[in-house]
């Protein structure tokens, strides 16, 4: 008989800019090595995953990470006193630092995580990508960080239009003139603050890898895909697993050199002359992770087993030619459910 674990998962905002929570939960419900009871942790009471069937067994509203790790930890203690959580999987970049900082305190109350170290998290920031590339011998686009538009005036001559204007956590826009730069800068800083990254635009095909490192230099799983359909927010709405030995080699070497701990996503541009430029390293499981499950690698299941120190074997194969296509549908729910969550902070 399989053990049943209670697992808390964030990121239930399954919108046109989807969080990874819903596909992570779908993967965990298909785990072969254990059964699950899922606790959804949400910041907003309109996150669609709250109301989807067979997603969360119970939902709790939690404070934004910006309120401080002490406030978040106190809320987690309240929830854990009721639910006895075995493992927690945070799925947003903006919340990871808070949970990494609270990792030892969470472990004291029985909640295990498997996250990157603070050093791993900090050094792969978009703003640090050029130095990261030099340190680990990776090709990366030229980039500069700016904290105000006066800074941009000093570096404008370093870049040819178009180039990318990127937020420190999310959002990226291609700018074709200075007016667009100003507009995108104001839009990004209003949402994510400074710095803003100005990054060289590299022409080619965007390919991504979802991977899992064990913290000792070993790759537990890695599945590459090519985006087939991209939304206006730059998110994959369709993709296909591909055979690319070079992509896997880059992934394995990076995990070995950094001793990466936890899930990651590599966003890479493959140029027409077969160079691979890493444009982002996301320090968590991506929203398209269910494609990896469909291709034979249940990365969320493996991550939970690492967190709980269960025996685990690395995945060595995946199926190529597996596609995912996202879709949207209308959920019809009673206002009473929305009100209960708003008033009680749980559902």
C-alpha atoms as a PDB file:
ATOM      1  CA  UNK A   1       0.000   0.000   0.000  1.00  0.00           C
ATOM      2  CA  UNK A   2       1.367   3.407  -1.038  1.00  0.00           C
ATOM      3  CA  UNK A   3       1.982   6.105   1.538  1.00  0.00           C
ATOM      4  CA  UNK A   4      -0.225   9.207   1.335  1.00  0.00           C
ATOM      5  CA  UNK A   5       1.593  12.532   1.636  1.00  0.00           C
ATOM      6  CA  UNK A   6       0.023  15.910   2.321  1.00  0.00           C
ATOM      7  CA  UNK A   7       1.646  18.336  -0.106  1.00  0.00           C
ATOM      8  CA  UNK A   8       1.152  22.108  -0.196  1.00  0.00           C
ATOM      9  CA  UNK A   9       1.402  23.769  -3.610  1.00  0.00           C
ATOM     10  CA  UNK A  10       1.324  27.442  -4.660  1.00  0.00           C
ATOM     11  CA  UNK A  11       0.692  28.949  -8.098  1.00  0.00           C
ATOM     12  CA  UNK A  12      -2.953  28.084  -8.826  1.00  0.00           C
ATOM     13  CA  UNK A  13      -3.431  31.062 -11.164  1.00  0.00           C
ATOM     14  CA  UNK A  14      -4.163  29.040 -14.301  1.00  0.00           C
ATOM     15  CA  UNK A  15      -4.700  32.062 -16.578  1.00  0.00           C
ATOM     16  CA  UNK A  16      -3.148  33.275 -19.850  1.00  0.00           C
ATOM     17  CA  UNK A  17       0.008  33.768 -17.773  1.00  0.00           C
ATOM     18  CA  UNK A  18      -0.294  30.478 -15.918  1.00  0.00           C
ATOM     19  CA  UNK A  19       1.402  29.517 -12.698  1.00  0.00           C
ATOM     20  CA  UNK A  20       2.898  26.020 -12.472  1.00  0.00           C
ATOM     21  CA  UNK A  21       0.658  24.948  -9.558  1.00  0.00           C
ATOM     22  CA  UNK A  22      -2.122  23.211 -11.488  1.00  0.00           C
ATOM     23  CA  UNK A  23       0.169  21.100 -13.751  1.00  0.00           C
ATOM     24  CA  UNK A  24       2.356  20.273 -10.730  1.00  0.00           C
ATOM     25  CA  UNK A  25      -0.726  18.998  -8.892  1.00  0.00           C
ATOM     26  CA  UNK A  26      -1.857  16.992 -11.923  1.00  0.00           C
ATOM     27  CA  UNK A  27       1.591  15.398 -12.002  1.00  0.00           C
ATOM     28  CA  UNK A  28       1.498  14.581  -8.279  1.00  0.00           C
ATOM     29  CA  UNK A  29      -1.919  12.935  -8.624  1.00  0.00           C
ATOM     30  CA  UNK A  30      -0.349  10.632 -11.238  1.00  0.00           C
ATOM     31  CA  UNK A  31       2.631   9.737  -9.036  1.00  0.00           C
ATOM     32  CA  UNK A  32       3.392   6.020  -8.930  1.00  0.00           C
ATOM     33  CA  UNK A  33       5.423   5.971  -5.709  1.00  0.00           C
ATOM     34  CA  UNK A  34       2.893   7.645  -3.395  1.00  0.00           C
ATOM     35  CA  UNK A  35      -0.651   9.024  -3.085  1.00  0.00           C
ATOM     36  CA  UNK A  36      -1.357  12.670  -2.260  1.00  0.00           C
ATOM     37  CA  UNK A  37      -3.630  15.016  -0.433  1.00  0.00           C
ATOM     38  CA  UNK A  38      -3.169  18.482  -1.918  1.00  0.00           C
ATOM     39  CA  UNK A  39      -3.287  21.742   0.010  1.00  0.00           C
ATOM     40  CA  UNK A  40      -3.563  24.728  -2.329  1.00  0.00           C
ATOM     41  CA  UNK A  41      -1.938  27.950  -1.121  1.00  0.00           C
ATOM     42  CA  UNK A  42      -3.284  31.044  -2.877  1.00  0.00           C
ATOM     43  CA  UNK A  43      -2.682  34.788  -2.775  1.00  0.00           C
ATOM     44  CA  UNK A  44      -5.828  35.844  -4.649  1.00  0.00           C
ATOM     45  CA  UNK A  45      -9.334  34.430  -4.258  1.00  0.00           C
ATOM     46  CA  UNK A  46      -9.871  34.360  -8.018  1.00  0.00           C
ATOM     47  CA  UNK A  47      -7.042  31.962  -8.852  1.00  0.00           C
ATOM     48  CA  UNK A  48      -8.816  29.437 -11.129  1.00  0.00           C
ATOM     49  CA  UNK A  49      -7.122  26.395  -9.595  1.00  0.00           C
ATOM     50  CA  UNK A  50      -9.122  27.011  -6.421  1.00  0.00           C
ATOM     51  CA  UNK A  51     -12.336  26.068  -8.167  1.00  0.00           C
ATOM     52  CA  UNK A  52     -11.164  23.329 -10.537  1.00  0.00           C
ATOM     53  CA  UNK A  53     -12.250  19.785  -9.742  1.00  0.00           C
ATOM     54  CA  UNK A  54      -9.669  17.234  -8.575  1.00  0.00           C
ATOM     55  CA  UNK A  55      -7.003  19.887  -8.021  1.00  0.00           C
ATOM     56  CA  UNK A  56      -6.788  20.959  -4.365  1.00  0.00           C
ATOM     57  CA  UNK A  57      -8.404  19.004  -1.531  1.00  0.00           C
ATOM     58  CA  UNK A  58      -8.357  22.159   0.585  1.00  0.00           C
ATOM     59  CA  UNK A  59      -7.345  25.749  -0.111  1.00  0.00           C
ATOM     60  CA  UNK A  60      -5.855  28.357   2.198  1.00  0.00           C
ATOM     61  CA  UNK A  61      -5.196  32.014   1.516  1.00  0.00           C
ATOM     62  CA  UNK A  62      -1.670  33.091   2.478  1.00  0.00           C
ATOM     63  CA  UNK A  63      -0.042  36.539   2.817  1.00  0.00           C
ATOM     64  CA  UNK A  64       2.059  37.963   0.024  1.00  0.00           C
ATOM     65  CA  UNK A  65       5.810  37.324   0.417  1.00  0.00           C
ATOM     66  CA  UNK A  66       6.321  41.095   0.450  1.00  0.00           C
ATOM     67  CA  UNK A  67       4.800  41.113   3.945  1.00  0.00           C
ATOM     68  CA  UNK A  68       7.925  39.341   5.217  1.00  0.00           C
ATOM     69  CA  UNK A  69       9.061  35.811   5.900  1.00  0.00           C
ATOM     70  CA  UNK A  70       7.965  35.975   9.548  1.00  0.00           C
ATOM     71  CA  UNK A  71       4.358  36.694   8.560  1.00  0.00           C
ATOM     72  CA  UNK A  72       4.377  33.931   5.938  1.00  0.00           C
ATOM     73  CA  UNK A  73       5.955  31.470   8.382  1.00  0.00           C
ATOM     74  CA  UNK A  74       3.341  32.243  11.032  1.00  0.00           C
ATOM     75  CA  UNK A  75       0.553  31.524   8.548  1.00  0.00           C
ATOM     76  CA  UNK A  76       2.238  28.277   7.496  1.00  0.00           C
ATOM     77  CA  UNK A  77       2.390  27.221  11.149  1.00  0.00           C
ATOM     78  CA  UNK A  78      -1.348  27.871  11.501  1.00  0.00           C
ATOM     79  CA  UNK A  79      -2.137  25.805   8.410  1.00  0.00           C
ATOM     80  CA  UNK A  80       0.272  23.026   9.378  1.00  0.00           C
ATOM     81  CA  UNK A  81      -1.301  22.675  12.824  1.00  0.00           C
ATOM     82  CA  UNK A  82      -4.455  21.544  11.021  1.00  0.00           C
ATOM     83  CA  UNK A  83      -3.116  19.792   7.923  1.00  0.00           C
ATOM     84  CA  UNK A  84       0.247  18.238   8.979  1.00  0.00           C
ATOM     85  CA  UNK A  85       1.973  19.074   5.710  1.00  0.00           C
ATOM     86  CA  UNK A  86       4.768  16.741   4.573  1.00  0.00           C
ATOM     87  CA  UNK A  87       6.191  18.818   1.709  1.00  0.00           C
ATOM     88  CA  UNK A  88       5.789  22.259   0.159  1.00  0.00           C
ATOM     89  CA  UNK A  89       6.332  23.166  -3.503  1.00  0.00           C
ATOM     90  CA  UNK A  90       6.478  26.947  -4.119  1.00  0.00           C
ATOM     91  CA  UNK A  91       6.016  27.831  -7.792  1.00  0.00           C
ATOM     92  CA  UNK A  92       6.589  31.594  -8.130  1.00  0.00           C
ATOM     93  CA  UNK A  93       9.974  33.280  -8.524  1.00  0.00           C
ATOM     94  CA  UNK A  94       8.819  36.165  -6.317  1.00  0.00           C
ATOM     95  CA  UNK A  95       8.048  33.890  -3.352  1.00  0.00           C
ATOM     96  CA  UNK A  96      11.072  31.600  -3.515  1.00  0.00           C
ATOM     97  CA  UNK A  97      13.429  33.775  -1.482  1.00  0.00           C
ATOM     98  CA  UNK A  98      10.903  33.898   1.379  1.00  0.00           C
ATOM     99  CA  UNK A  99      10.538  30.122   1.470  1.00  0.00           C
ATOM    100  CA  UNK A 100      14.277  29.527   1.068  1.00  0.00           C
ATOM    101  CA  UNK A 101      14.902  31.827   4.007  1.00  0.00           C
ATOM    102  CA  UNK A 102      12.295  29.929   6.070  1.00  0.00           C
ATOM    103  CA  UNK A 103      13.463  26.457   4.974  1.00  0.00           C
ATOM    104  CA  UNK A 104      14.983  25.418   8.315  1.00  0.00           C
ATOM    105  CA  UNK A 105      12.050  26.773  10.323  1.00  0.00           C
ATOM    106  CA  UNK A 106       9.629  24.935   8.058  1.00  0.00           C
ATOM    107  CA  UNK A 107      11.607  21.715   8.511  1.00  0.00           C
ATOM    108  CA  UNK A 108      11.306  22.079  12.301  1.00  0.00           C
ATOM    109  CA  UNK A 109       7.518  21.820  12.007  1.00  0.00           C
ATOM    110  CA  UNK A 110       7.709  18.894   9.582  1.00  0.00           C
ATOM    111  CA  UNK A 111       7.355  20.724   6.253  1.00  0.00           C
ATOM    112  CA  UNK A 112      10.088  19.682   3.841  1.00  0.00           C
ATOM    113  CA  UNK A 113      11.108  21.628   0.768  1.00  0.00           C
ATOM    114  CA  UNK A 114      13.659  21.043  -1.962  1.00  0.00           C
ATOM    115  CA  UNK A 115      14.728  24.457  -3.179  1.00  0.00           C
ATOM    116  CA  UNK A 116      17.861  26.053  -4.628  1.00  0.00           C
ATOM    117  CA  UNK A 117      20.292  27.565  -2.166  1.00  0.00           C
ATOM    118  CA  UNK A 118      20.182  31.337  -1.791  1.00  0.00           C
ATOM    119  CA  UNK A 119      23.516  31.571  -3.633  1.00  0.00           C
ATOM    120  CA  UNK A 120      22.184  29.494  -6.538  1.00  0.00           C
ATOM    121  CA  UNK A 121      19.044  31.623  -6.629  1.00  0.00           C
ATOM    122  CA  UNK A 122      20.869  34.955  -6.537  1.00  0.00           C
ATOM    123  CA  UNK A 123      23.677  34.309  -8.997  1.00  0.00           C
ATOM    124  CA  UNK A 124      21.383  33.228 -11.874  1.00  0.00           C
ATOM    125  CA  UNK A 125      19.237  36.392 -11.728  1.00  0.00           C
ATOM    126  CA  UNK A 126      18.635  38.021 -15.107  1.00  0.00           C
ATOM    127  CA  UNK A 127      20.677  41.003 -13.944  1.00  0.00           C
ATOM    128  CA  UNK A 128      23.646  38.714 -13.224  1.00  0.00           C
ATOM    129  CA  UNK A 129      23.426  36.622 -16.390  1.00  0.00           C
ATOM    130  CA  UNK A 130      26.594  37.967 -18.102  1.00  0.00           C
ATOM    131  CA  UNK A 131      28.807  37.130 -15.102  1.00  0.00           C
ATOM    132  CA  UNK A 132      26.964  33.807 -14.717  1.00  0.00           C
ATOM    133  CA  UNK A 133      27.773  32.951 -18.317  1.00  0.00           C
ATOM    134  CA  UNK A 134      31.468  33.686 -17.796  1.00  0.00           C
ATOM    135  CA  UNK A 135      31.608  31.699 -14.573  1.00  0.00           C
ATOM    136  CA  UNK A 136      30.011  28.566 -16.025  1.00  0.00           C
ATOM    137  CA  UNK A 137      31.185  28.904 -19.650  1.00  0.00           C
ATOM    138  CA  UNK A 138      27.751  29.538 -21.143  1.00  0.00           C
ATOM    139  CA  UNK A 139      26.778  31.649 -24.146  1.00  0.00           C
ATOM    140  CA  UNK A 140      24.443  34.427 -23.002  1.00  0.00           C
ATOM    141  CA  UNK A 141      23.168  37.579 -24.749  1.00  0.00           C
ATOM    142  CA  UNK A 142      24.754  40.914 -23.876  1.00  0.00           C
ATOM    143  CA  UNK A 143      22.724  42.754 -21.239  1.00  0.00           C
ATOM    144  CA  UNK A 144      22.782  45.767 -18.926  1.00  0.00           C
ATOM    145  CA  UNK A 145      20.671  46.673 -15.904  1.00  0.00           C
ATOM    146  CA  UNK A 146      19.118  50.090 -15.395  1.00  0.00           C
ATOM    147  CA  UNK A 147      17.519  51.643 -12.333  1.00  0.00           C
ATOM    148  CA  UNK A 148      16.177  54.719 -14.140  1.00  0.00           C
ATOM    149  CA  UNK A 149      15.802  56.036 -17.667  1.00  0.00           C
ATOM    150  CA  UNK A 150      18.871  58.259 -17.277  1.00  0.00           C
ATOM    151  CA  UNK A 151      20.886  55.035 -16.961  1.00  0.00           C
ATOM    152  CA  UNK A 152      19.437  53.953 -20.314  1.00  0.00           C
ATOM    153  CA  UNK A 153      20.723  57.081 -22.030  1.00  0.00           C
ATOM    154  CA  UNK A 154      24.259  56.029 -21.061  1.00  0.00           C
ATOM    155  CA  UNK A 155      23.978  52.516 -22.518  1.00  0.00           C
ATOM    156  CA  UNK A 156      21.676  53.016 -25.525  1.00  0.00           C
ATOM    157  CA  UNK A 157      24.578  53.019 -27.971  1.00  0.00           C
ATOM    158  CA  UNK A 158      25.637  49.540 -26.792  1.00  0.00           C
ATOM    159  CA  UNK A 159      22.544  47.904 -28.294  1.00  0.00           C
ATOM    160  CA  UNK A 160      20.951  47.680 -31.719  1.00  0.00           C
ATOM    161  CA  UNK A 161      17.174  47.821 -31.964  1.00  0.00           C
ATOM    162  CA  UNK A 162      15.198  45.687 -31.372  1.00  0.00           C
ATOM    163  CA  UNK A 163      16.241  44.525 -27.942  1.00  0.00           C
ATOM    164  CA  UNK A 164      14.389  43.134 -24.938  1.00  0.00           C
ATOM    165  CA  UNK A 165      13.226  45.102 -21.915  1.00  0.00           C
ATOM    166  CA  UNK A 166      12.780  42.647 -19.044  1.00  0.00           C
ATOM    167  CA  UNK A 167      11.550  42.721 -15.453  1.00  0.00           C
ATOM    168  CA  UNK A 168      13.602  41.228 -12.647  1.00  0.00           C
ATOM    169  CA  UNK A 169      11.008  38.485 -12.053  1.00  0.00           C
ATOM    170  CA  UNK A 170       8.640  38.412 -15.039  1.00  0.00           C
ATOM    171  CA  UNK A 171       7.680  40.185 -18.271  1.00  0.00           C
ATOM    172  CA  UNK A 172       9.748  40.819 -21.385  1.00  0.00           C
ATOM    173  CA  UNK A 173       9.009  43.122 -24.287  1.00  0.00           C
ATOM    174  CA  UNK A 174      10.783  43.736 -27.588  1.00  0.00           C
ATOM    175  CA  UNK A 175      11.499  47.451 -27.994  1.00  0.00           C
ATOM    176  CA  UNK A 176      11.990  48.925 -31.470  1.00  0.00           C
ATOM    177  CA  UNK A 177      12.562  52.546 -30.444  1.00  0.00           C
ATOM    178  CA  UNK A 178      13.252  54.712 -27.404  1.00  0.00           C
ATOM    179  CA  UNK A 179       9.592  55.604 -26.853  1.00  0.00           C
ATOM    180  CA  UNK A 180       8.796  51.919 -26.486  1.00  0.00           C
ATOM    181  CA  UNK A 181      11.678  51.503 -24.044  1.00  0.00           C
ATOM    182  CA  UNK A 182      10.234  54.261 -21.861  1.00  0.00           C
ATOM    183  CA  UNK A 183       6.750  52.762 -21.986  1.00  0.00           C
ATOM    184  CA  UNK A 184       7.938  49.248 -21.169  1.00  0.00           C
ATOM    185  CA  UNK A 185      10.228  50.529 -18.425  1.00  0.00           C
ATOM    186  CA  UNK A 186       7.366  52.319 -16.696  1.00  0.00           C
ATOM    187  CA  UNK A 187       5.057  49.319 -17.103  1.00  0.00           C
ATOM    188  CA  UNK A 188       7.587  46.874 -15.656  1.00  0.00           C
ATOM    189  CA  UNK A 189       8.767  49.029 -12.746  1.00  0.00           C
ATOM    190  CA  UNK A 190       5.190  49.750 -11.696  1.00  0.00           C
ATOM    191  CA  UNK A 191       4.668  46.006 -11.329  1.00  0.00           C
ATOM    192  CA  UNK A 192       8.053  44.564 -10.327  1.00  0.00           C
ATOM    193  CA  UNK A 193      10.241  47.494  -9.331  1.00  0.00           C
ATOM    194  CA  UNK A 194      13.864  47.970 -10.372  1.00  0.00           C
ATOM    195  CA  UNK A 195      16.219  46.984 -11.824  1.00  0.00           C
ATOM    196  CA  UNK A 196      15.060  46.562 -15.401  1.00  0.00           C
ATOM    197  CA  UNK A 197      17.221  44.512 -17.763  1.00  0.00           C
ATOM    198  CA  UNK A 198      18.090  45.595 -21.301  1.00  0.00           C
ATOM    199  CA  UNK A 199      19.047  42.446 -23.213  1.00  0.00           C
ATOM    200  CA  UNK A 200      20.369  41.855 -26.724  1.00  0.00           C
ATOM    201  CA  UNK A 201      17.770  40.324 -29.032  1.00  0.00           C
ATOM    202  CA  UNK A 202      19.083  37.002 -30.344  1.00  0.00           C
ATOM    203  CA  UNK A 203      17.386  35.655 -33.475  1.00  0.00           C
ATOM    204  CA  UNK A 204      16.638  31.951 -33.591  1.00  0.00           C
ATOM    205  CA  UNK A 205      14.332  29.249 -32.300  1.00  0.00           C
ATOM    206  CA  UNK A 206      13.303  29.286 -28.647  1.00  0.00           C
ATOM    207  CA  UNK A 207      13.839  25.952 -26.916  1.00  0.00           C
ATOM    208  CA  UNK A 208      13.341  25.194 -23.247  1.00  0.00           C
ATOM    209  CA  UNK A 209      14.412  22.509 -20.799  1.00  0.00           C
ATOM    210  CA  UNK A 210      12.691  21.491 -17.570  1.00  0.00           C
ATOM    211  CA  UNK A 211      15.160  19.796 -15.244  1.00  0.00           C
ATOM    212  CA  UNK A 212      15.682  18.607 -11.692  1.00  0.00           C
ATOM    213  CA  UNK A 213      18.985  18.563  -9.811  1.00  0.00           C
ATOM    214  CA  UNK A 214      19.669  16.611  -6.621  1.00  0.00           C
ATOM    215  CA  UNK A 215      21.930  19.241  -5.039  1.00  0.00           C
ATOM    216  CA  UNK A 216      24.989  17.026  -5.471  1.00  0.00           C
ATOM    217  CA  UNK A 217      25.624  17.631  -9.163  1.00  0.00           C
ATOM    218  CA  UNK A 218      23.387  14.888 -10.546  1.00  0.00           C
ATOM    219  CA  UNK A 219      20.554  15.448 -13.000  1.00  0.00           C
ATOM    220  CA  UNK A 220      17.458  13.507 -11.894  1.00  0.00           C
ATOM    221  CA  UNK A 221      15.371  14.482 -14.888  1.00  0.00           C
ATOM    222  CA  UNK A 222      15.573  16.686 -17.987  1.00  0.00           C
ATOM    223  CA  UNK A 223      13.141  17.120 -20.884  1.00  0.00           C
ATOM    224  CA  UNK A 224      13.654  19.639 -23.725  1.00  0.00           C
ATOM    225  CA  UNK A 225      10.879  21.117 -25.829  1.00  0.00           C
ATOM    226  CA  UNK A 226      10.360  23.584 -28.641  1.00  0.00           C
ATOM    227  CA  UNK A 227       7.599  26.156 -28.342  1.00  0.00           C
ATOM    228  CA  UNK A 228       4.975  25.701 -31.057  1.00  0.00           C
ATOM    229  CA  UNK A 229       2.662  28.552 -30.123  1.00  0.00           C
ATOM    230  CA  UNK A 230       3.549  31.615 -28.047  1.00  0.00           C
ATOM    231  CA  UNK A 231       1.103  34.101 -26.514  1.00  0.00           C
ATOM    232  CA  UNK A 232       1.536  37.872 -26.544  1.00  0.00           C
ATOM    233  CA  UNK A 233       2.987  37.475 -23.027  1.00  0.00           C
ATOM    234  CA  UNK A 234       5.695  35.175 -24.413  1.00  0.00           C
ATOM    235  CA  UNK A 235       4.209  32.090 -22.757  1.00  0.00           C
ATOM    236  CA  UNK A 236       4.131  28.709 -24.448  1.00  0.00           C
ATOM    237  CA  UNK A 237       0.556  27.749 -25.368  1.00  0.00           C
ATOM    238  CA  UNK A 238       1.790  24.714 -27.245  1.00  0.00           C
ATOM    239  CA  UNK A 239       5.056  22.806 -27.419  1.00  0.00           C
ATOM    240  CA  UNK A 240       6.662  19.541 -28.490  1.00  0.00           C
ATOM    241  CA  UNK A 241       9.397  17.412 -26.938  1.00  0.00           C
ATOM    242  CA  UNK A 242      12.507  17.228 -29.092  1.00  0.00           C
ATOM    243  CA  UNK A 243      15.692  15.203 -29.384  1.00  0.00           C
ATOM    244  CA  UNK A 244      18.637  17.553 -28.841  1.00  0.00           C
ATOM    245  CA  UNK A 245      21.793  16.107 -27.337  1.00  0.00           C
ATOM    246  CA  UNK A 246      23.453  19.529 -27.108  1.00  0.00           C
ATOM    247  CA  UNK A 247      20.579  20.938 -25.048  1.00  0.00           C
ATOM    248  CA  UNK A 248      20.798  18.009 -22.650  1.00  0.00           C
ATOM    249  CA  UNK A 249      24.584  18.331 -22.462  1.00  0.00           C
ATOM    250  CA  UNK A 250      24.282  22.029 -21.515  1.00  0.00           C
ATOM    251  CA  UNK A 251      21.709  21.123 -18.850  1.00  0.00           C
ATOM    252  CA  UNK A 252      23.704  18.258 -17.336  1.00  0.00           C
ATOM    253  CA  UNK A 253      26.910  20.306 -17.265  1.00  0.00           C
ATOM    254  CA  UNK A 254      25.204  23.291 -15.654  1.00  0.00           C
ATOM    255  CA  UNK A 255      23.637  21.137 -12.935  1.00  0.00           C
ATOM    256  CA  UNK A 256      26.975  19.383 -12.354  1.00  0.00           C
ATOM    257  CA  UNK A 257      28.944  22.655 -12.090  1.00  0.00           C
ATOM    258  CA  UNK A 258      26.433  24.474  -9.894  1.00  0.00           C
ATOM    259  CA  UNK A 259      25.221  21.438  -7.909  1.00  0.00           C
ATOM    260  CA  UNK A 260      21.748  22.765  -8.574  1.00  0.00           C
ATOM    261  CA  UNK A 261      19.150  21.810  -5.988  1.00  0.00           C
ATOM    262  CA  UNK A 262      15.517  21.533  -7.104  1.00  0.00           C
ATOM    263  CA  UNK A 263      13.600  22.261 -10.266  1.00  0.00           C
ATOM    264  CA  UNK A 264      14.733  24.632 -12.993  1.00  0.00           C
ATOM    265  CA  UNK A 265      13.818  25.811 -16.441  1.00  0.00           C
ATOM    266  CA  UNK A 266      16.366  26.864 -19.027  1.00  0.00           C
ATOM    267  CA  UNK A 267      15.128  29.284 -21.686  1.00  0.00           C
ATOM    268  CA  UNK A 268      17.451  29.116 -24.669  1.00  0.00           C
ATOM    269  CA  UNK A 269      17.642  30.571 -28.176  1.00  0.00           C
ATOM    270  CA  UNK A 270      19.129  28.198 -30.738  1.00  0.00           C
ATOM    271  CA  UNK A 271      20.545  30.252 -33.607  1.00  0.00           C
ATOM    272  CA  UNK A 272      20.670  29.238 -37.229  1.00  0.00           C
ATOM    273  CA  UNK A 273      24.396  28.515 -36.906  1.00  0.00           C
ATOM    274  CA  UNK A 274      23.650  26.120 -33.997  1.00  0.00           C
ATOM    275  CA  UNK A 275      24.740  28.268 -31.090  1.00  0.00           C
ATOM    276  CA  UNK A 276      22.777  28.056 -27.857  1.00  0.00           C
ATOM    277  CA  UNK A 277      22.239  31.309 -25.941  1.00  0.00           C
ATOM    278  CA  UNK A 278      20.750  31.036 -22.464  1.00  0.00           C
ATOM    279  CA  UNK A 279      18.356  33.957 -22.047  1.00  0.00           C
ATOM    280  CA  UNK A 280      16.899  32.984 -18.648  1.00  0.00           C
ATOM    281  CA  UNK A 281      17.323  30.436 -15.872  1.00  0.00           C
ATOM    282  CA  UNK A 282      14.118  30.083 -13.893  1.00  0.00           C
ATOM    283  CA  UNK A 283      14.739  28.563 -10.434  1.00  0.00           C
ATOM    284  CA  UNK A 284      11.579  26.467 -10.249  1.00  0.00           C
ATOM    285  CA  UNK A 285       9.348  24.077 -12.142  1.00  0.00           C
ATOM    286  CA  UNK A 286       7.777  25.747 -15.215  1.00  0.00           C
ATOM    287  CA  UNK A 287       4.072  25.810 -16.097  1.00  0.00           C
ATOM    288  CA  UNK A 288       4.598  23.382 -19.002  1.00  0.00           C
ATOM    289  CA  UNK A 289       5.963  20.621 -16.722  1.00  0.00           C
ATOM    290  CA  UNK A 290       3.007  18.335 -17.468  1.00  0.00           C
ATOM    291  CA  UNK A 291       4.509  17.805 -20.941  1.00  0.00           C
ATOM    292  CA  UNK A 292       7.502  16.165 -19.238  1.00  0.00           C
ATOM    293  CA  UNK A 293       5.111  13.886 -17.337  1.00  0.00           C
ATOM    294  CA  UNK A 294       3.426  12.927 -20.596  1.00  0.00           C
ATOM    295  CA  UNK A 295       6.851  12.205 -22.089  1.00  0.00           C
ATOM    296  CA  UNK A 296       7.758   9.824 -19.251  1.00  0.00           C
ATOM    297  CA  UNK A 297       9.439  11.964 -16.556  1.00  0.00           C
ATOM    298  CA  UNK A 298       7.286  12.909 -13.563  1.00  0.00           C
ATOM    299  CA  UNK A 299       9.569  15.645 -12.260  1.00  0.00           C
ATOM    300  CA  UNK A 300       7.210  16.884  -9.481  1.00  0.00           C
ATOM    301  CA  UNK A 301       6.998  13.329  -8.112  1.00  0.00           C
ATOM    302  CA  UNK A 302      10.792  13.056  -8.116  1.00  0.00           C
ATOM    303  CA  UNK A 303      11.110  16.458  -6.410  1.00  0.00           C
ATOM    304  CA  UNK A 304       8.836  15.336  -3.555  1.00  0.00           C
ATOM    305  CA  UNK A 305      10.862  12.155  -3.116  1.00  0.00           C
ATOM    306  CA  UNK A 306      14.060  14.218  -2.925  1.00  0.00           C
ATOM    307  CA  UNK A 307      12.481  16.532  -0.352  1.00  0.00           C
ATOM    308  CA  UNK A 308      11.401  13.567   1.782  1.00  0.00           C
ATOM    309  CA  UNK A 309      14.743  11.777   1.283  1.00  0.00           C
ATOM    310  CA  UNK A 310      13.106   8.773  -0.350  1.00  0.00           C
ATOM    311  CA  UNK A 311      15.187   6.501  -2.618  1.00  0.00           C
ATOM    312  CA  UNK A 312      15.179   7.763  -6.180  1.00  0.00           C
ATOM    313  CA  UNK A 313      16.672   6.835  -9.543  1.00  0.00           C
ATOM    314  CA  UNK A 314      17.406   9.394 -12.264  1.00  0.00           C
ATOM    315  CA  UNK A 315      15.235   9.352 -15.362  1.00  0.00           C
ATOM    316  CA  UNK A 316      17.264   8.314 -18.380  1.00  0.00           C
ATOM    317  CA  UNK A 317      14.696   8.428 -21.197  1.00  0.00           C
ATOM    318  CA  UNK A 318      11.804  10.512 -22.444  1.00  0.00           C
ATOM    319  CA  UNK A 319       9.571  10.295 -25.504  1.00  0.00           C
ATOM    320  CA  UNK A 320      10.130  12.757 -28.330  1.00  0.00           C
ATOM    321  CA  UNK A 321       7.280  14.054 -30.456  1.00  0.00           C
ATOM    322  CA  UNK A 322       4.926  14.482 -27.489  1.00  0.00           C
ATOM    323  CA  UNK A 323       2.925  17.699 -27.760  1.00  0.00           C
ATOM    324  CA  UNK A 324       1.006  19.824 -25.327  1.00  0.00           C
ATOM    325  CA  UNK A 325      -1.689  22.306 -26.274  1.00  0.00           C
ATOM    326  CA  UNK A 326      -3.243  24.582 -23.652  1.00  0.00           C
ATOM    327  CA  UNK A 327      -6.900  25.476 -23.687  1.00  0.00           C
ATOM    328  CA  UNK A 328      -9.224  27.640 -21.623  1.00  0.00           C
ATOM    329  CA  UNK A 329     -12.716  26.905 -20.386  1.00  0.00           C
ATOM    330  CA  UNK A 330     -15.308  28.657 -18.279  1.00  0.00           C
ATOM    331  CA  UNK A 331     -15.713  27.416 -14.718  1.00  0.00           C
ATOM    332  CA  UNK A 332     -19.159  27.876 -13.241  1.00  0.00           C
ATOM    333  CA  UNK A 333     -18.988  28.192  -9.450  1.00  0.00           C
ATOM    334  CA  UNK A 334     -21.289  29.395  -6.709  1.00  0.00           C
ATOM    335  CA  UNK A 335     -20.622  32.839  -5.283  1.00  0.00           C
ATOM    336  CA  UNK A 336     -20.864  31.168  -1.872  1.00  0.00           C
ATOM    337  CA  UNK A 337     -17.471  29.472  -2.423  1.00  0.00           C
ATOM    338  CA  UNK A 338     -15.819  32.782  -3.292  1.00  0.00           C
ATOM    339  CA  UNK A 339     -17.351  34.402  -0.212  1.00  0.00           C
ATOM    340  CA  UNK A 340     -16.216  31.587   2.098  1.00  0.00           C
ATOM    341  CA  UNK A 341     -12.613  31.937   0.954  1.00  0.00           C
ATOM    342  CA  UNK A 342     -12.758  35.736   1.190  1.00  0.00           C
ATOM    343  CA  UNK A 343     -14.196  35.675   4.707  1.00  0.00           C
ATOM    344  CA  UNK A 344     -12.552  32.609   6.259  1.00  0.00           C
ATOM    345  CA  UNK A 345      -9.251  32.493   4.369  1.00  0.00           C
ATOM    346  CA  UNK A 346      -9.804  28.821   3.586  1.00  0.00           C
ATOM    347  CA  UNK A 347     -12.052  26.626   1.488  1.00  0.00           C
END
